[in-house]
Amino acid sequence: MRILLARHGETPWNAEGRYQGQIDIPLSDAGERQARLLGQRLADVGIERAVASPLQRARRTAELALGDRAGMLSLEPGLSEIAHGTWEGKLAGEIAEQYPVQFQAWREAPQTVQMPEGESLEQVFTRVWPAFVRATEAMRQDQTLLVVAHDAVNRLILCHILGIDFAQLWRFRQAPATLNLLEGPSAERLDVVRLNDCAHHTGLFGEAVHRAL
């Protein structure tokens, strides 16, 4: 089984450094282009099932990535981004000024933070992982699943698969419209084959990369 785990394309708030969480912000023009490039990357890849967060930035990315195959897309609320609570809509600098202790902890020890009126990483994981597992359960060993979600959601999935603590959340990147390739017989026995692959953003991916997907 292969799982293509993607993050949504860029939004205007991503570009501004504004926390969006569960506020339903659309893709920017740049994000739409990124999603279409992801679609070009996947055009010749057989995909049997596709699941996305219902937030429009993830849903739209999935639709553009799937192209004519978008009719297979199903939405999974459990894959929605972490709720940032009172931080949503604020710039990182504003949060650092208004919540200095919590914001520093979020950057240095994210596993310890309970978002004000929002979620902790553990709370997010308790809904994300069952949603991810449900998406994989109907898959056969020779099939491919596309999952389009969010920065924190993808990081939590990847941390769990890699067997690393959520304290390491910031040790790798999840760029807009990035692609992670996972392979294995079940959700609990997956290998990370590719991490934060953004080669399609420039169209400069080699034949070896294309063969891997």
N, C-alpha and C. Protein backbone atom coordinates (compact mmCIF):
# COMPACT_ATOMS: atom_id res chain seq x y z
N MET A 1 0.84 -1.19 0.00
CA MET A 1 0.00 0.00 0.00
C MET A 1 0.89 1.25 0.00
N ARG A 2 0.52 2.18 -0.86
CA ARG A 2 1.23 3.47 -0.89
C ARG A 2 0.29 4.57 -0.46
N ILE A 3 0.80 5.47 0.36
CA ILE A 3 0.02 6.62 0.80
C ILE A 3 0.77 7.88 0.41
N LEU A 4 0.10 8.72 -0.35
CA LEU A 4 0.63 10.03 -0.73
C LEU A 4 0.03 11.04 0.25
N LEU A 5 0.81 11.47 1.21
CA LEU A 5 0.35 12.40 2.24
C LEU A 5 0.80 13.80 1.84
N ALA A 6 -0.15 14.65 1.50
CA ALA A 6 0.16 16.00 1.02
C ALA A 6 -0.36 17.06 1.99
N ARG A 7 0.28 18.20 1.96
CA ARG A 7 -0.23 19.37 2.67
C ARG A 7 -0.93 20.27 1.63
N HIS A 8 -1.88 21.04 2.09
CA HIS A 8 -2.57 21.98 1.19
C HIS A 8 -1.60 23.04 0.65
N GLY A 9 -1.98 23.68 -0.44
CA GLY A 9 -1.20 24.77 -1.00
C GLY A 9 -1.26 26.02 -0.13
N GLU A 10 -0.47 26.99 -0.51
CA GLU A 10 -0.35 28.23 0.26
C GLU A 10 -1.66 29.02 0.28
N THR A 11 -1.94 29.65 1.41
CA THR A 11 -3.06 30.58 1.54
C THR A 11 -2.50 31.99 1.75
N PRO A 12 -3.33 33.02 1.62
CA PRO A 12 -2.86 34.37 1.93
C PRO A 12 -2.34 34.49 3.35
N TRP A 13 -2.96 33.79 4.29
CA TRP A 13 -2.52 33.87 5.68
C TRP A 13 -1.19 33.14 5.89
N ASN A 14 -0.96 32.05 5.17
CA ASN A 14 0.36 31.42 5.22
C ASN A 14 1.44 32.41 4.82
N ALA A 15 1.19 33.13 3.73
CA ALA A 15 2.17 34.08 3.21
C ALA A 15 2.43 35.20 4.19
N GLU A 16 1.41 35.57 4.96
CA GLU A 16 1.55 36.67 5.94
C GLU A 16 2.15 36.20 7.25
N GLY A 17 2.19 34.88 7.49
CA GLY A 17 2.62 34.37 8.78
C GLY A 17 1.53 34.48 9.82
N ARG A 18 0.27 34.37 9.37
CA ARG A 18 -0.88 34.51 10.25
C ARG A 18 -1.43 33.11 10.58
N TYR A 19 -1.71 32.88 11.85
CA TYR A 19 -2.21 31.58 12.29
C TYR A 19 -3.66 31.41 11.85
N GLN A 20 -3.96 30.30 11.14
CA GLN A 20 -5.32 30.13 10.65
C GLN A 20 -6.07 28.99 11.33
N GLY A 21 -5.37 27.92 11.72
CA GLY A 21 -6.05 26.86 12.45
C GLY A 21 -7.27 26.36 11.71
N GLN A 22 -8.43 26.46 12.33
CA GLN A 22 -9.65 25.96 11.73
C GLN A 22 -10.49 27.05 11.06
N ILE A 23 -9.97 28.26 10.96
CA ILE A 23 -10.63 29.28 10.14
C ILE A 23 -10.49 28.85 8.68
N ASP A 24 -11.58 28.92 7.94
CA ASP A 24 -11.63 28.30 6.61
C ASP A 24 -11.13 29.26 5.53
N ILE A 25 -9.81 29.39 5.44
CA ILE A 25 -9.18 30.31 4.51
C ILE A 25 -8.94 29.60 3.17
N PRO A 26 -9.24 30.26 2.05
CA PRO A 26 -9.03 29.64 0.74
C PRO A 26 -7.56 29.68 0.32
N LEU A 27 -7.25 28.96 -0.73
CA LEU A 27 -5.92 29.04 -1.32
C LEU A 27 -5.69 30.41 -1.94
N SER A 28 -4.45 30.85 -1.94
CA SER A 28 -4.05 32.03 -2.70
C SER A 28 -3.83 31.62 -4.15
N ASP A 29 -3.56 32.60 -5.02
CA ASP A 29 -3.22 32.27 -6.41
C ASP A 29 -1.99 31.35 -6.45
N ALA A 30 -1.02 31.64 -5.58
CA ALA A 30 0.18 30.80 -5.53
C ALA A 30 -0.19 29.38 -5.09
N GLY A 31 -1.08 29.27 -4.12
CA GLY A 31 -1.51 27.96 -3.64
C GLY A 31 -2.24 27.16 -4.71
N GLU A 32 -3.06 27.85 -5.52
CA GLU A 32 -3.73 27.17 -6.63
C GLU A 32 -2.70 26.63 -7.63
N ARG A 33 -1.68 27.43 -7.91
CA ARG A 33 -0.63 26.97 -8.84
C ARG A 33 0.11 25.77 -8.26
N GLN A 34 0.42 25.83 -6.98
CA GLN A 34 1.12 24.72 -6.34
C GLN A 34 0.30 23.43 -6.42
N ALA A 35 -1.01 23.56 -6.19
CA ALA A 35 -1.88 22.38 -6.23
C ALA A 35 -1.97 21.81 -7.64
N ARG A 36 -2.00 22.69 -8.65
CA ARG A 36 -2.04 22.21 -10.02
C ARG A 36 -0.73 21.51 -10.40
N LEU A 37 0.38 22.04 -9.91
CA LEU A 37 1.67 21.39 -10.15
C LEU A 37 1.72 20.02 -9.46
N LEU A 38 1.14 19.94 -8.29
CA LEU A 38 1.03 18.64 -7.62
C LEU A 38 0.22 17.68 -8.49
N GLY A 39 -0.86 18.20 -9.09
CA GLY A 39 -1.67 17.39 -9.99
C GLY A 39 -0.88 16.90 -11.19
N GLN A 40 -0.03 17.76 -11.74
CA GLN A 40 0.83 17.34 -12.85
C GLN A 40 1.77 16.23 -12.40
N ARG A 41 2.29 16.36 -11.20
CA ARG A 41 3.19 15.34 -10.64
C ARG A 41 2.49 13.99 -10.54
N LEU A 42 1.19 14.02 -10.21
CA LEU A 42 0.45 12.79 -9.94
C LEU A 42 -0.39 12.31 -11.11
N ALA A 43 -0.31 13.02 -12.23
CA ALA A 43 -1.20 12.73 -13.37
C ALA A 43 -1.11 11.29 -13.83
N ASP A 44 0.08 10.71 -13.82
CA ASP A 44 0.27 9.35 -14.31
C ASP A 44 0.35 8.33 -13.19
N VAL A 45 0.03 8.76 -11.97
CA VAL A 45 0.08 7.87 -10.81
C VAL A 45 -1.31 7.30 -10.55
N GLY A 46 -1.42 5.99 -10.49
CA GLY A 46 -2.70 5.38 -10.18
C GLY A 46 -3.09 5.66 -8.74
N ILE A 47 -4.26 6.23 -8.53
CA ILE A 47 -4.77 6.53 -7.19
C ILE A 47 -6.15 5.90 -7.07
N GLU A 48 -6.31 5.02 -6.10
CA GLU A 48 -7.59 4.32 -5.94
C GLU A 48 -8.53 5.00 -4.96
N ARG A 49 -7.99 5.78 -4.05
CA ARG A 49 -8.84 6.45 -3.06
C ARG A 49 -8.20 7.77 -2.67
N ALA A 50 -9.03 8.77 -2.34
CA ALA A 50 -8.52 10.08 -1.93
C ALA A 50 -9.38 10.62 -0.80
N VAL A 51 -8.71 11.15 0.22
CA VAL A 51 -9.38 11.69 1.41
C VAL A 51 -8.73 13.02 1.73
N ALA A 52 -9.54 14.00 2.17
CA ALA A 52 -8.99 15.31 2.53
C ALA A 52 -9.72 15.88 3.74
N SER A 53 -9.06 16.79 4.41
CA SER A 53 -9.71 17.63 5.41
C SER A 53 -10.81 18.42 4.73
N PRO A 54 -11.93 18.68 5.43
CA PRO A 54 -13.00 19.45 4.81
C PRO A 54 -12.72 20.94 4.69
N LEU A 55 -11.68 21.45 5.35
CA LEU A 55 -11.35 22.86 5.20
C LEU A 55 -10.97 23.14 3.75
N GLN A 56 -11.47 24.25 3.21
CA GLN A 56 -11.41 24.43 1.76
C GLN A 56 -10.00 24.47 1.21
N ARG A 57 -9.02 24.88 1.99
CA ARG A 57 -7.65 24.91 1.47
C ARG A 57 -7.15 23.50 1.18
N ALA A 58 -7.55 22.54 2.00
CA ALA A 58 -7.16 21.15 1.77
C ALA A 58 -8.05 20.51 0.69
N ARG A 59 -9.34 20.75 0.78
CA ARG A 59 -10.26 20.17 -0.21
C ARG A 59 -9.92 20.64 -1.61
N ARG A 60 -9.69 21.94 -1.78
CA ARG A 60 -9.38 22.48 -3.10
C ARG A 60 -8.05 21.94 -3.62
N THR A 61 -7.07 21.82 -2.74
CA THR A 61 -5.79 21.25 -3.15
C THR A 61 -5.99 19.83 -3.66
N ALA A 62 -6.78 19.05 -2.95
CA ALA A 62 -7.04 17.67 -3.37
C ALA A 62 -7.75 17.64 -4.72
N GLU A 63 -8.75 18.51 -4.90
CA GLU A 63 -9.48 18.53 -6.16
C GLU A 63 -8.57 18.87 -7.33
N LEU A 64 -7.72 19.87 -7.15
CA LEU A 64 -6.80 20.25 -8.23
C LEU A 64 -5.75 19.18 -8.47
N ALA A 65 -5.30 18.53 -7.40
CA ALA A 65 -4.31 17.46 -7.55
C ALA A 65 -4.89 16.25 -8.27
N LEU A 66 -6.17 16.00 -8.05
CA LEU A 66 -6.81 14.84 -8.67
C LEU A 66 -7.29 15.11 -10.09
N GLY A 67 -7.61 16.36 -10.40
CA GLY A 67 -8.09 16.69 -11.74
C GLY A 67 -9.37 15.96 -12.07
N ASP A 68 -9.38 15.21 -13.16
CA ASP A 68 -10.56 14.47 -13.61
C ASP A 68 -10.98 13.38 -12.63
N ARG A 69 -10.12 13.05 -11.69
CA ARG A 69 -10.44 11.99 -10.72
C ARG A 69 -11.03 12.54 -9.43
N ALA A 70 -11.35 13.84 -9.39
CA ALA A 70 -11.80 14.48 -8.15
C ALA A 70 -13.09 13.88 -7.60
N GLY A 71 -13.86 13.20 -8.44
CA GLY A 71 -15.09 12.59 -7.97
C GLY A 71 -14.88 11.53 -6.92
N MET A 72 -13.67 10.98 -6.82
CA MET A 72 -13.41 9.96 -5.80
C MET A 72 -13.15 10.54 -4.42
N LEU A 73 -13.01 11.85 -4.34
CA LEU A 73 -12.59 12.49 -3.08
C LEU A 73 -13.68 12.39 -2.02
N SER A 74 -13.28 12.00 -0.82
CA SER A 74 -14.16 12.06 0.35
C SER A 74 -13.51 12.95 1.40
N LEU A 75 -14.34 13.55 2.24
CA LEU A 75 -13.86 14.50 3.24
C LEU A 75 -13.92 13.86 4.62
N GLU A 76 -12.89 14.11 5.40
CA GLU A 76 -12.76 13.51 6.72
C GLU A 76 -12.52 14.61 7.77
N PRO A 77 -13.55 14.97 8.56
CA PRO A 77 -13.39 16.04 9.55
C PRO A 77 -12.26 15.81 10.54
N GLY A 78 -11.94 14.54 10.80
CA GLY A 78 -10.87 14.24 11.74
C GLY A 78 -9.51 14.73 11.30
N LEU A 79 -9.36 15.05 10.00
CA LEU A 79 -8.09 15.54 9.47
C LEU A 79 -7.99 17.06 9.48
N SER A 80 -8.97 17.75 10.06
CA SER A 80 -8.92 19.22 10.13
C SER A 80 -7.70 19.68 10.92
N GLU A 81 -7.23 20.87 10.61
CA GLU A 81 -6.04 21.42 11.27
C GLU A 81 -6.28 21.62 12.76
N ILE A 82 -5.21 21.70 13.53
CA ILE A 82 -5.28 22.00 14.95
C ILE A 82 -6.04 23.31 15.16
N ALA A 83 -6.91 23.32 16.16
CA ALA A 83 -7.63 24.54 16.53
C ALA A 83 -6.69 25.41 17.36
N HIS A 84 -6.33 26.57 16.82
CA HIS A 84 -5.42 27.47 17.53
C HIS A 84 -6.14 28.37 18.52
N GLY A 85 -7.46 28.25 18.62
CA GLY A 85 -8.21 29.02 19.61
C GLY A 85 -8.05 30.52 19.41
N THR A 86 -7.68 31.22 20.47
CA THR A 86 -7.59 32.68 20.43
C THR A 86 -6.41 33.17 19.59
N TRP A 87 -5.54 32.26 19.16
CA TRP A 87 -4.42 32.67 18.31
C TRP A 87 -4.84 32.80 16.84
N GLU A 88 -5.97 32.22 16.49
CA GLU A 88 -6.38 32.22 15.09
C GLU A 88 -6.64 33.64 14.59
N GLY A 89 -6.10 33.93 13.41
CA GLY A 89 -6.23 35.25 12.81
C GLY A 89 -5.13 36.21 13.20
N LYS A 90 -4.25 35.80 14.12
CA LYS A 90 -3.18 36.67 14.59
C LYS A 90 -1.85 36.33 13.90
N LEU A 91 -1.04 37.36 13.71
CA LEU A 91 0.32 37.15 13.22
C LEU A 91 1.19 36.54 14.33
N ALA A 92 2.23 35.83 13.93
CA ALA A 92 3.11 35.21 14.91
C ALA A 92 3.67 36.25 15.88
N GLY A 93 4.03 37.43 15.37
CA GLY A 93 4.56 38.48 16.24
C GLY A 93 3.55 38.96 17.26
N GLU A 94 2.28 39.02 16.86
CA GLU A 94 1.22 39.43 17.78
C GLU A 94 1.01 38.39 18.88
N ILE A 95 1.08 37.13 18.50
CA ILE A 95 0.93 36.06 19.49
C ILE A 95 2.10 36.08 20.47
N ALA A 96 3.31 36.28 19.95
CA ALA A 96 4.50 36.34 20.81
C ALA A 96 4.39 37.47 21.81
N GLU A 97 3.79 38.57 21.40
CA GLU A 97 3.64 39.72 22.30
C GLU A 97 2.54 39.50 23.33
N GLN A 98 1.44 38.89 22.92
CA GLN A 98 0.30 38.72 23.81
C GLN A 98 0.38 37.48 24.69
N TYR A 99 1.06 36.45 24.20
CA TYR A 99 1.17 35.19 24.93
C TYR A 99 2.63 34.73 24.94
N PRO A 100 3.54 35.53 25.51
CA PRO A 100 4.98 35.25 25.36
C PRO A 100 5.41 33.89 25.89
N VAL A 101 4.90 33.48 27.05
CA VAL A 101 5.33 32.21 27.64
C VAL A 101 4.82 31.03 26.81
N GLN A 102 3.53 31.07 26.48
CA GLN A 102 2.96 29.98 25.69
C GLN A 102 3.55 29.91 24.29
N PHE A 103 3.80 31.07 23.69
CA PHE A 103 4.33 31.06 22.34
C PHE A 103 5.75 30.50 22.31
N GLN A 104 6.56 30.87 23.30
CA GLN A 104 7.92 30.33 23.37
C GLN A 104 7.87 28.82 23.56
N ALA A 105 6.95 28.36 24.42
CA ALA A 105 6.81 26.92 24.62
C ALA A 105 6.36 26.23 23.33
N TRP A 106 5.49 26.87 22.56
CA TRP A 106 5.02 26.30 21.30
C TRP A 106 6.17 26.09 20.33
N ARG A 107 7.13 27.00 20.35
CA ARG A 107 8.29 26.87 19.47
C ARG A 107 9.34 25.89 20.02
N GLU A 108 9.43 25.77 21.34
CA GLU A 108 10.52 24.98 21.94
C GLU A 108 10.06 23.63 22.51
N ALA A 109 8.83 23.54 22.96
CA ALA A 109 8.31 22.30 23.54
C ALA A 109 6.82 22.19 23.20
N PRO A 110 6.49 22.01 21.91
CA PRO A 110 5.09 22.09 21.48
C PRO A 110 4.18 21.07 22.14
N GLN A 111 4.73 19.96 22.58
CA GLN A 111 3.92 18.92 23.21
C GLN A 111 3.37 19.34 24.56
N THR A 112 3.86 20.44 25.11
CA THR A 112 3.41 20.89 26.44
C THR A 112 2.31 21.94 26.36
N VAL A 113 1.98 22.40 25.16
CA VAL A 113 1.10 23.57 25.02
C VAL A 113 -0.35 23.16 24.81
N GLN A 114 -1.22 23.75 25.60
CA GLN A 114 -2.66 23.69 25.36
C GLN A 114 -3.04 25.04 24.75
N MET A 115 -3.44 25.03 23.49
CA MET A 115 -3.82 26.28 22.84
C MET A 115 -4.94 26.96 23.62
N PRO A 116 -4.85 28.27 23.89
CA PRO A 116 -5.93 28.96 24.59
C PRO A 116 -7.24 28.86 23.82
N GLU A 117 -8.22 28.21 24.43
CA GLU A 117 -9.51 27.94 23.80
C GLU A 117 -9.36 27.08 22.54
N GLY A 118 -8.24 26.38 22.44
CA GLY A 118 -7.98 25.51 21.29
C GLY A 118 -7.57 24.13 21.73
N GLU A 119 -6.69 23.49 20.96
CA GLU A 119 -6.32 22.10 21.21
C GLU A 119 -4.84 21.96 21.56
N SER A 120 -4.54 20.86 22.21
CA SER A 120 -3.16 20.41 22.40
C SER A 120 -2.82 19.42 21.29
N LEU A 121 -1.54 19.12 21.13
CA LEU A 121 -1.15 18.14 20.13
C LEU A 121 -1.75 16.77 20.41
N GLU A 122 -1.81 16.38 21.67
CA GLU A 122 -2.39 15.08 22.01
C GLU A 122 -3.87 15.04 21.63
N GLN A 123 -4.58 16.13 21.88
CA GLN A 123 -6.00 16.17 21.52
C GLN A 123 -6.18 16.05 20.01
N VAL A 124 -5.31 16.73 19.26
CA VAL A 124 -5.40 16.64 17.80
C VAL A 124 -5.12 15.22 17.36
N PHE A 125 -4.09 14.61 17.92
CA PHE A 125 -3.71 13.26 17.50
C PHE A 125 -4.82 12.25 17.77
N THR A 126 -5.57 12.42 18.85
CA THR A 126 -6.61 11.45 19.17
C THR A 126 -7.75 11.46 18.15
N ARG A 127 -7.88 12.52 17.35
CA ARG A 127 -8.88 12.50 16.27
C ARG A 127 -8.23 12.24 14.91
N VAL A 128 -6.98 12.70 14.75
CA VAL A 128 -6.30 12.56 13.45
C VAL A 128 -5.95 11.11 13.15
N TRP A 129 -5.34 10.41 14.10
CA TRP A 129 -4.86 9.07 13.80
C TRP A 129 -6.01 8.10 13.47
N PRO A 130 -7.11 8.08 14.24
CA PRO A 130 -8.22 7.20 13.83
C PRO A 130 -8.77 7.55 12.44
N ALA A 131 -8.81 8.84 12.10
CA ALA A 131 -9.27 9.24 10.76
C ALA A 131 -8.32 8.72 9.69
N PHE A 132 -7.02 8.81 9.95
CA PHE A 132 -6.02 8.32 9.02
C PHE A 132 -6.14 6.80 8.85
N VAL A 133 -6.30 6.10 9.94
CA VAL A 133 -6.44 4.64 9.89
C VAL A 133 -7.70 4.26 9.11
N ARG A 134 -8.80 4.94 9.36
CA ARG A 134 -10.04 4.65 8.62
C ARG A 134 -9.83 4.79 7.12
N ALA A 135 -9.07 5.79 6.74
CA ALA A 135 -8.82 6.02 5.30
C ALA A 135 -8.04 4.88 4.68
N THR A 136 -7.20 4.21 5.46
CA THR A 136 -6.36 3.13 4.92
C THR A 136 -7.03 1.77 4.95
N GLU A 137 -8.07 1.62 5.75
CA GLU A 137 -8.61 0.28 6.01
C GLU A 137 -9.17 -0.42 4.77
N ALA A 138 -9.71 0.34 3.83
CA ALA A 138 -10.31 -0.27 2.64
C ALA A 138 -9.29 -0.50 1.53
N MET A 139 -8.03 -0.17 1.78
CA MET A 139 -7.01 -0.24 0.74
C MET A 139 -6.41 -1.64 0.65
N ARG A 140 -6.18 -2.09 -0.60
CA ARG A 140 -5.45 -3.34 -0.82
C ARG A 140 -3.95 -3.04 -0.86
N GLN A 141 -3.17 -4.09 -0.81
CA GLN A 141 -1.73 -3.93 -0.72
C GLN A 141 -1.11 -3.29 -1.96
N ASP A 142 -1.78 -3.39 -3.12
CA ASP A 142 -1.23 -2.85 -4.36
C ASP A 142 -1.84 -1.51 -4.74
N GLN A 143 -2.57 -0.87 -3.81
CA GLN A 143 -3.28 0.35 -4.13
C GLN A 143 -2.63 1.58 -3.52
N THR A 144 -3.06 2.75 -4.01
CA THR A 144 -2.49 4.02 -3.57
C THR A 144 -3.60 4.93 -3.05
N LEU A 145 -3.34 5.54 -1.92
CA LEU A 145 -4.26 6.46 -1.26
C LEU A 145 -3.65 7.85 -1.23
N LEU A 146 -4.43 8.86 -1.60
CA LEU A 146 -4.01 10.26 -1.45
C LEU A 146 -4.71 10.86 -0.24
N VAL A 147 -3.93 11.44 0.66
CA VAL A 147 -4.47 12.13 1.84
C VAL A 147 -3.96 13.57 1.80
N VAL A 148 -4.87 14.54 1.81
CA VAL A 148 -4.48 15.95 1.80
C VAL A 148 -4.95 16.58 3.10
N ALA A 149 -4.00 17.07 3.88
CA ALA A 149 -4.33 17.62 5.19
C ALA A 149 -3.52 18.90 5.44
N HIS A 150 -3.01 19.05 6.65
CA HIS A 150 -2.46 20.33 7.11
C HIS A 150 -1.09 20.14 7.76
N ASP A 151 -0.45 21.25 8.04
CA ASP A 151 0.90 21.24 8.59
C ASP A 151 0.99 20.42 9.87
N ALA A 152 0.26 20.83 10.92
CA ALA A 152 0.36 20.13 12.20
C ALA A 152 -0.17 18.70 12.08
N VAL A 153 -1.23 18.51 11.32
CA VAL A 153 -1.80 17.17 11.15
C VAL A 153 -0.77 16.22 10.52
N ASN A 154 -0.15 16.66 9.43
CA ASN A 154 0.86 15.82 8.78
C ASN A 154 2.04 15.53 9.70
N ARG A 155 2.47 16.55 10.42
CA ARG A 155 3.61 16.37 11.33
C ARG A 155 3.31 15.31 12.39
N LEU A 156 2.09 15.35 12.93
CA LEU A 156 1.72 14.37 13.96
C LEU A 156 1.67 12.96 13.38
N ILE A 157 1.10 12.82 12.19
CA ILE A 157 1.07 11.51 11.53
C ILE A 157 2.50 11.01 11.31
N LEU A 158 3.36 11.88 10.80
CA LEU A 158 4.73 11.48 10.51
C LEU A 158 5.53 11.16 11.77
N CYS A 159 5.34 11.95 12.82
CA CYS A 159 6.01 11.66 14.09
C CYS A 159 5.62 10.27 14.59
N HIS A 160 4.34 9.96 14.51
CA HIS A 160 3.88 8.65 14.99
C HIS A 160 4.48 7.53 14.15
N ILE A 161 4.47 7.67 12.85
CA ILE A 161 5.01 6.63 11.97
C ILE A 161 6.51 6.46 12.21
N LEU A 162 7.21 7.56 12.41
CA LEU A 162 8.66 7.51 12.63
C LEU A 162 9.03 7.10 14.05
N GLY A 163 8.04 7.06 14.94
CA GLY A 163 8.31 6.66 16.32
C GLY A 163 9.04 7.71 17.12
N ILE A 164 8.80 8.99 16.79
CA ILE A 164 9.47 10.06 17.53
C ILE A 164 8.44 10.88 18.32
N ASP A 165 8.89 11.45 19.41
CA ASP A 165 8.02 12.21 20.31
C ASP A 165 7.52 13.48 19.64
N PHE A 166 6.35 13.93 20.05
CA PHE A 166 5.80 15.17 19.50
C PHE A 166 6.65 16.39 19.85
N ALA A 167 7.59 16.23 20.78
CA ALA A 167 8.54 17.30 21.08
C ALA A 167 9.39 17.63 19.86
N GLN A 168 9.51 16.68 18.93
CA GLN A 168 10.32 16.85 17.72
C GLN A 168 9.52 17.40 16.55
N LEU A 169 8.35 17.97 16.81
CA LEU A 169 7.42 18.39 15.76
C LEU A 169 8.06 19.32 14.73
N TRP A 170 8.97 20.17 15.16
CA TRP A 170 9.56 21.18 14.26
C TRP A 170 10.87 20.72 13.64
N ARG A 171 11.24 19.45 13.79
CA ARG A 171 12.54 18.97 13.30
C ARG A 171 12.53 18.67 11.80
N PHE A 172 11.37 18.74 11.17
CA PHE A 172 11.29 18.56 9.72
C PHE A 172 10.23 19.52 9.20
N ARG A 173 10.21 19.72 7.90
CA ARG A 173 9.31 20.70 7.29
C ARG A 173 8.14 20.02 6.59
N GLN A 174 7.07 20.80 6.47
CA GLN A 174 5.93 20.43 5.63
C GLN A 174 5.54 21.68 4.85
N ALA A 175 6.15 21.85 3.69
CA ALA A 175 5.93 23.04 2.87
C ALA A 175 4.54 23.00 2.23
N PRO A 176 4.04 24.12 1.76
CA PRO A 176 2.76 24.11 1.05
C PRO A 176 2.78 23.17 -0.15
N ALA A 177 1.72 22.37 -0.29
CA ALA A 177 1.57 21.42 -1.39
C ALA A 177 2.72 20.42 -1.46
N THR A 178 3.35 20.16 -0.33
CA THR A 178 4.42 19.17 -0.29
C THR A 178 3.84 17.76 -0.39
N LEU A 179 4.71 16.80 -0.65
CA LEU A 179 4.28 15.42 -0.82
C LEU A 179 5.18 14.51 0.01
N ASN A 180 4.56 13.65 0.81
CA ASN A 180 5.26 12.61 1.55
C ASN A 180 4.79 11.26 1.02
N LEU A 181 5.71 10.34 0.82
CA LEU A 181 5.37 9.01 0.34
C LEU A 181 5.58 8.00 1.45
N LEU A 182 4.52 7.28 1.78
CA LEU A 182 4.54 6.25 2.82
C LEU A 182 4.20 4.92 2.18
N GLU A 183 4.86 3.86 2.62
CA GLU A 183 4.58 2.53 2.09
C GLU A 183 4.56 1.51 3.22
N GLY A 184 3.66 0.53 3.10
CA GLY A 184 3.61 -0.53 4.09
C GLY A 184 2.31 -1.31 4.02
N PRO A 185 2.22 -2.39 4.78
CA PRO A 185 1.04 -3.25 4.72
C PRO A 185 -0.16 -2.74 5.50
N SER A 186 0.07 -1.81 6.44
CA SER A 186 -1.03 -1.27 7.25
C SER A 186 -0.59 0.07 7.82
N ALA A 187 -1.54 0.81 8.39
CA ALA A 187 -1.23 2.13 8.95
C ALA A 187 -0.18 2.04 10.05
N GLU A 188 -0.17 0.96 10.80
CA GLU A 188 0.78 0.82 11.91
C GLU A 188 2.12 0.25 11.48
N ARG A 189 2.26 -0.06 10.19
CA ARG A 189 3.53 -0.63 9.70
C ARG A 189 3.95 0.08 8.42
N LEU A 190 4.06 1.38 8.50
CA LEU A 190 4.42 2.19 7.35
C LEU A 190 5.87 2.66 7.44
N ASP A 191 6.51 2.75 6.30
CA ASP A 191 7.83 3.38 6.18
C ASP A 191 7.67 4.73 5.50
N VAL A 192 8.47 5.70 5.91
CA VAL A 192 8.50 7.00 5.24
C VAL A 192 9.54 6.92 4.14
N VAL A 193 9.08 6.90 2.89
CA VAL A 193 9.96 6.75 1.74
C VAL A 193 10.43 8.11 1.25
N ARG A 194 9.53 9.10 1.27
CA ARG A 194 9.89 10.47 0.89
C ARG A 194 9.25 11.42 1.89
N LEU A 195 10.00 12.46 2.24
CA LEU A 195 9.55 13.43 3.23
C LEU A 195 9.67 14.84 2.67
N ASN A 196 8.57 15.60 2.71
CA ASN A 196 8.58 17.01 2.29
C ASN A 196 9.15 17.17 0.88
N ASP A 197 8.67 16.37 -0.05
CA ASP A 197 9.13 16.41 -1.44
C ASP A 197 8.36 17.51 -2.18
N CYS A 198 9.06 18.55 -2.58
CA CYS A 198 8.45 19.69 -3.26
C CYS A 198 9.00 19.88 -4.67
N ALA A 199 9.59 18.85 -5.24
CA ALA A 199 10.22 18.99 -6.54
C ALA A 199 9.25 19.48 -7.61
N HIS A 200 7.97 19.13 -7.48
CA HIS A 200 6.99 19.53 -8.48
C HIS A 200 6.73 21.03 -8.49
N HIS A 201 7.11 21.74 -7.44
CA HIS A 201 6.89 23.19 -7.41
C HIS A 201 7.62 23.89 -8.56
N THR A 202 8.74 23.36 -8.96
CA THR A 202 9.50 23.97 -10.05
C THR A 202 9.46 23.13 -11.32
N GLY A 203 8.89 21.95 -11.22
CA GLY A 203 8.87 21.04 -12.35
C GLY A 203 10.20 20.36 -12.58
N LEU A 204 11.15 20.51 -11.65
CA LEU A 204 12.50 19.98 -11.83
C LEU A 204 12.68 18.66 -11.11
N PHE A 205 11.73 17.74 -11.29
CA PHE A 205 11.92 16.43 -10.67
C PHE A 205 12.42 15.45 -11.71
N GLY A 206 13.36 14.63 -11.28
CA GLY A 206 14.01 13.71 -12.21
C GLY A 206 13.22 12.44 -12.44
N GLU A 207 13.70 11.65 -13.35
CA GLU A 207 13.00 10.42 -13.72
C GLU A 207 12.96 9.45 -12.54
N ALA A 208 14.01 9.44 -11.73
CA ALA A 208 14.04 8.54 -10.58
C ALA A 208 12.93 8.87 -9.59
N VAL A 209 12.70 10.18 -9.37
CA VAL A 209 11.63 10.60 -8.48
C VAL A 209 10.29 10.18 -9.05
N HIS A 210 10.10 10.38 -10.34
CA HIS A 210 8.83 10.04 -10.98
C HIS A 210 8.57 8.54 -10.87
N ARG A 211 9.61 7.72 -11.01
CA ARG A 211 9.44 6.27 -10.89
C ARG A 211 9.00 5.90 -9.48
N ALA A 212 9.51 6.62 -8.49
CA ALA A 212 9.16 6.30 -7.10
C ALA A 212 7.71 6.61 -6.81
N LEU A 213 7.10 7.49 -7.61
CA LEU A 213 5.70 7.80 -7.42
C LEU A 213 4.86 7.21 -8.55
